[in-house]
Amino acid sequence: MTKYRIEIDLDKCIGAFTCVDVYPELWEQGDDGKAHIIAEGVIKEDGREYVELNEKLIDVEAAIQSQDVCPVQAIKITKLK
């Protein structure tokens, strides 16, 4: 089963929340004015958040679209082996 790494660089995030508009089940608007990942097991370190999720737990197409609409390219979706 394929896994994906969902990552956001919070230092780059400007709070446009286009990712939240595209995929509200994965992203939420934080009190700090930044987008945050909604998932179990999110790791927060060095100004970023990331999580590795099984393809059955996410809508891969919507996740990639949320990456593509970020105006500052703060989101990275990576297919893992």
N, C-alpha and C. Protein backbone atom coordinates (compact mmCIF):
# COMPACT_ATOMS: atom_id res chain seq x y z
N MET A 1 0.83 -1.18 0.00
CA MET A 1 0.00 0.00 0.00
C MET A 1 0.88 1.25 0.00
N THR A 2 0.53 2.20 -0.82
CA THR A 2 1.32 3.42 -0.97
C THR A 2 1.05 4.40 0.17
N LYS A 3 2.11 5.03 0.64
CA LYS A 3 2.00 6.06 1.67
C LYS A 3 2.43 7.39 1.07
N TYR A 4 1.89 8.44 1.66
CA TYR A 4 2.22 9.80 1.25
C TYR A 4 2.66 10.61 2.46
N ARG A 5 3.65 11.44 2.24
CA ARG A 5 4.09 12.37 3.28
C ARG A 5 3.46 13.72 2.98
N ILE A 6 2.72 14.23 3.94
CA ILE A 6 2.08 15.53 3.84
C ILE A 6 2.89 16.47 4.72
N GLU A 7 3.36 17.58 4.16
CA GLU A 7 4.23 18.48 4.92
C GLU A 7 3.87 19.94 4.64
N ILE A 8 3.95 20.76 5.67
CA ILE A 8 3.76 22.20 5.51
C ILE A 8 4.88 22.93 6.24
N ASP A 9 5.43 23.90 5.55
CA ASP A 9 6.46 24.77 6.13
C ASP A 9 5.72 25.98 6.71
N LEU A 10 5.59 26.01 8.03
CA LEU A 10 4.82 27.06 8.69
C LEU A 10 5.50 28.42 8.59
N ASP A 11 6.80 28.44 8.39
CA ASP A 11 7.50 29.71 8.21
C ASP A 11 7.13 30.36 6.88
N LYS A 12 6.81 29.53 5.87
CA LYS A 12 6.41 30.04 4.56
C LYS A 12 4.92 30.38 4.49
N CYS A 13 4.11 29.67 5.27
CA CYS A 13 2.66 29.82 5.20
C CYS A 13 2.25 31.26 5.51
N ILE A 14 1.42 31.83 4.63
CA ILE A 14 0.95 33.21 4.83
C ILE A 14 -0.52 33.26 5.26
N GLY A 15 -1.11 32.10 5.45
CA GLY A 15 -2.50 32.06 5.91
C GLY A 15 -3.52 32.41 4.85
N ALA A 16 -3.25 32.06 3.61
CA ALA A 16 -4.23 32.27 2.53
C ALA A 16 -5.37 31.26 2.64
N PHE A 17 -5.09 30.11 3.20
CA PHE A 17 -6.04 29.03 3.46
C PHE A 17 -6.71 28.48 2.21
N THR A 18 -6.03 28.58 1.07
CA THR A 18 -6.55 27.94 -0.14
C THR A 18 -6.54 26.43 0.03
N CYS A 19 -5.59 25.91 0.80
CA CYS A 19 -5.54 24.47 1.07
C CYS A 19 -6.77 24.03 1.85
N VAL A 20 -7.21 24.85 2.80
CA VAL A 20 -8.40 24.55 3.59
C VAL A 20 -9.63 24.54 2.69
N ASP A 21 -9.71 25.48 1.77
CA ASP A 21 -10.83 25.55 0.83
C ASP A 21 -10.89 24.30 -0.04
N VAL A 22 -9.73 23.82 -0.49
CA VAL A 22 -9.66 22.67 -1.39
C VAL A 22 -9.88 21.35 -0.66
N TYR A 23 -9.33 21.22 0.55
CA TYR A 23 -9.37 19.93 1.26
C TYR A 23 -9.52 20.15 2.77
N PRO A 24 -10.73 20.56 3.20
CA PRO A 24 -10.95 20.88 4.62
C PRO A 24 -10.85 19.68 5.55
N GLU A 25 -10.87 18.48 5.01
CA GLU A 25 -10.71 17.28 5.84
C GLU A 25 -9.25 17.05 6.22
N LEU A 26 -8.32 17.69 5.52
CA LEU A 26 -6.89 17.53 5.78
C LEU A 26 -6.26 18.76 6.42
N TRP A 27 -6.81 19.94 6.12
CA TRP A 27 -6.22 21.20 6.58
C TRP A 27 -7.22 22.00 7.41
N GLU A 28 -6.70 22.70 8.42
CA GLU A 28 -7.54 23.58 9.22
C GLU A 28 -6.84 24.92 9.44
N GLN A 29 -7.65 25.93 9.70
CA GLN A 29 -7.14 27.27 9.99
C GLN A 29 -6.80 27.33 11.47
N GLY A 30 -5.53 27.58 11.79
CA GLY A 30 -5.10 27.65 13.17
C GLY A 30 -5.29 29.03 13.77
N ASP A 31 -5.31 29.08 15.09
CA ASP A 31 -5.43 30.36 15.80
C ASP A 31 -4.24 31.28 15.54
N ASP A 32 -3.14 30.68 15.06
CA ASP A 32 -1.92 31.45 14.78
C ASP A 32 -1.91 32.05 13.37
N GLY A 33 -3.03 31.88 12.64
CA GLY A 33 -3.11 32.42 11.28
C GLY A 33 -2.43 31.57 10.23
N LYS A 34 -2.10 30.33 10.59
CA LYS A 34 -1.44 29.40 9.67
C LYS A 34 -2.35 28.20 9.43
N ALA A 35 -2.11 27.50 8.33
CA ALA A 35 -2.81 26.25 8.06
C ALA A 35 -2.10 25.12 8.80
N HIS A 36 -2.89 24.16 9.29
CA HIS A 36 -2.33 23.02 10.01
C HIS A 36 -2.96 21.73 9.52
N ILE A 37 -2.19 20.66 9.60
CA ILE A 37 -2.64 19.34 9.17
C ILE A 37 -3.60 18.76 10.22
N ILE A 38 -4.70 18.18 9.73
CA ILE A 38 -5.64 17.48 10.60
C ILE A 38 -5.40 15.99 10.39
N ALA A 39 -4.70 15.34 11.28
CA ALA A 39 -4.45 13.90 11.18
C ALA A 39 -3.82 13.41 12.47
N GLU A 40 -3.97 12.13 12.73
CA GLU A 40 -3.30 11.51 13.87
C GLU A 40 -1.82 11.36 13.55
N GLY A 41 -0.98 11.59 14.52
CA GLY A 41 0.44 11.35 14.35
C GLY A 41 1.24 12.46 13.70
N VAL A 42 0.68 13.67 13.66
CA VAL A 42 1.40 14.80 13.05
C VAL A 42 2.64 15.11 13.89
N ILE A 43 3.76 15.25 13.21
CA ILE A 43 5.02 15.61 13.87
C ILE A 43 5.28 17.09 13.62
N LYS A 44 5.57 17.81 14.70
CA LYS A 44 5.83 19.25 14.60
C LYS A 44 7.26 19.50 15.03
N GLU A 45 8.06 20.07 14.10
CA GLU A 45 9.45 20.37 14.43
C GLU A 45 10.01 21.40 13.46
N ASP A 46 10.89 22.23 13.97
CA ASP A 46 11.62 23.20 13.15
C ASP A 46 10.73 24.04 12.24
N GLY A 47 9.60 24.52 12.76
CA GLY A 47 8.73 25.39 11.97
C GLY A 47 7.96 24.68 10.88
N ARG A 48 7.79 23.39 11.02
CA ARG A 48 7.03 22.64 10.02
C ARG A 48 6.23 21.54 10.69
N GLU A 49 5.26 21.02 9.97
CA GLU A 49 4.47 19.87 10.41
C GLU A 49 4.48 18.85 9.28
N TYR A 50 4.49 17.59 9.65
CA TYR A 50 4.37 16.56 8.63
C TYR A 50 3.78 15.29 9.22
N VAL A 51 3.24 14.47 8.33
CA VAL A 51 2.67 13.19 8.71
C VAL A 51 2.75 12.28 7.49
N GLU A 52 2.89 10.99 7.74
CA GLU A 52 2.87 10.00 6.66
C GLU A 52 1.57 9.23 6.78
N LEU A 53 0.80 9.22 5.68
CA LEU A 53 -0.51 8.59 5.69
C LEU A 53 -0.65 7.59 4.55
N ASN A 54 -1.36 6.52 4.84
CA ASN A 54 -1.71 5.50 3.86
C ASN A 54 -2.68 6.11 2.85
N GLU A 55 -2.55 5.72 1.60
CA GLU A 55 -3.39 6.29 0.55
C GLU A 55 -4.88 6.07 0.79
N LYS A 56 -5.23 5.07 1.59
CA LYS A 56 -6.65 4.83 1.88
C LYS A 56 -7.21 5.83 2.89
N LEU A 57 -6.32 6.55 3.58
CA LEU A 57 -6.76 7.50 4.60
C LEU A 57 -6.93 8.92 4.07
N ILE A 58 -6.49 9.15 2.84
CA ILE A 58 -6.59 10.50 2.27
C ILE A 58 -7.10 10.44 0.84
N ASP A 59 -7.60 11.56 0.38
CA ASP A 59 -7.94 11.75 -1.02
C ASP A 59 -6.68 12.32 -1.67
N VAL A 60 -5.92 11.46 -2.32
CA VAL A 60 -4.62 11.85 -2.87
C VAL A 60 -4.76 13.00 -3.86
N GLU A 61 -5.76 12.94 -4.70
CA GLU A 61 -5.97 13.99 -5.70
C GLU A 61 -6.23 15.35 -5.02
N ALA A 62 -7.05 15.36 -4.00
CA ALA A 62 -7.34 16.60 -3.27
C ALA A 62 -6.11 17.09 -2.52
N ALA A 63 -5.32 16.16 -1.98
CA ALA A 63 -4.09 16.55 -1.28
C ALA A 63 -3.12 17.24 -2.24
N ILE A 64 -2.96 16.66 -3.42
CA ILE A 64 -2.07 17.26 -4.42
C ILE A 64 -2.61 18.61 -4.89
N GLN A 65 -3.93 18.70 -5.03
CA GLN A 65 -4.52 19.98 -5.42
C GLN A 65 -4.28 21.04 -4.34
N SER A 66 -4.35 20.64 -3.07
CA SER A 66 -4.09 21.61 -1.98
C SER A 66 -2.65 22.10 -2.03
N GLN A 67 -1.74 21.23 -2.44
CA GLN A 67 -0.35 21.64 -2.64
C GLN A 67 -0.24 22.64 -3.79
N ASP A 68 -0.93 22.34 -4.87
CA ASP A 68 -0.82 23.15 -6.09
C ASP A 68 -1.42 24.55 -5.94
N VAL A 69 -2.43 24.70 -5.08
CA VAL A 69 -3.08 26.01 -4.94
C VAL A 69 -2.41 26.91 -3.90
N CYS A 70 -1.45 26.38 -3.17
CA CYS A 70 -0.76 27.20 -2.16
C CYS A 70 0.04 28.30 -2.87
N PRO A 71 -0.27 29.57 -2.58
CA PRO A 71 0.39 30.66 -3.32
C PRO A 71 1.87 30.84 -2.99
N VAL A 72 2.33 30.26 -1.89
CA VAL A 72 3.75 30.41 -1.52
C VAL A 72 4.48 29.06 -1.49
N GLN A 73 3.84 28.03 -2.01
CA GLN A 73 4.44 26.69 -2.11
C GLN A 73 4.96 26.19 -0.76
N ALA A 74 4.14 26.38 0.28
CA ALA A 74 4.51 25.93 1.63
C ALA A 74 4.18 24.46 1.86
N ILE A 75 3.36 23.88 0.97
CA ILE A 75 2.90 22.50 1.14
C ILE A 75 3.64 21.59 0.17
N LYS A 76 4.02 20.43 0.68
CA LYS A 76 4.68 19.43 -0.16
C LYS A 76 4.04 18.07 0.10
N ILE A 77 3.57 17.43 -0.98
CA ILE A 77 3.00 16.09 -0.91
C ILE A 77 3.97 15.17 -1.64
N THR A 78 4.48 14.17 -0.93
CA THR A 78 5.47 13.27 -1.50
C THR A 78 4.99 11.83 -1.43
N LYS A 79 5.04 11.14 -2.56
CA LYS A 79 4.70 9.72 -2.59
C LYS A 79 5.91 8.94 -2.08
N LEU A 80 5.68 8.08 -1.09
CA LEU A 80 6.74 7.26 -0.52
C LEU A 80 6.64 5.85 -1.07
N LYS A 81 7.71 5.08 -0.90
CA LYS A 81 7.69 3.68 -1.36
C LYS A 81 7.12 2.78 -0.31
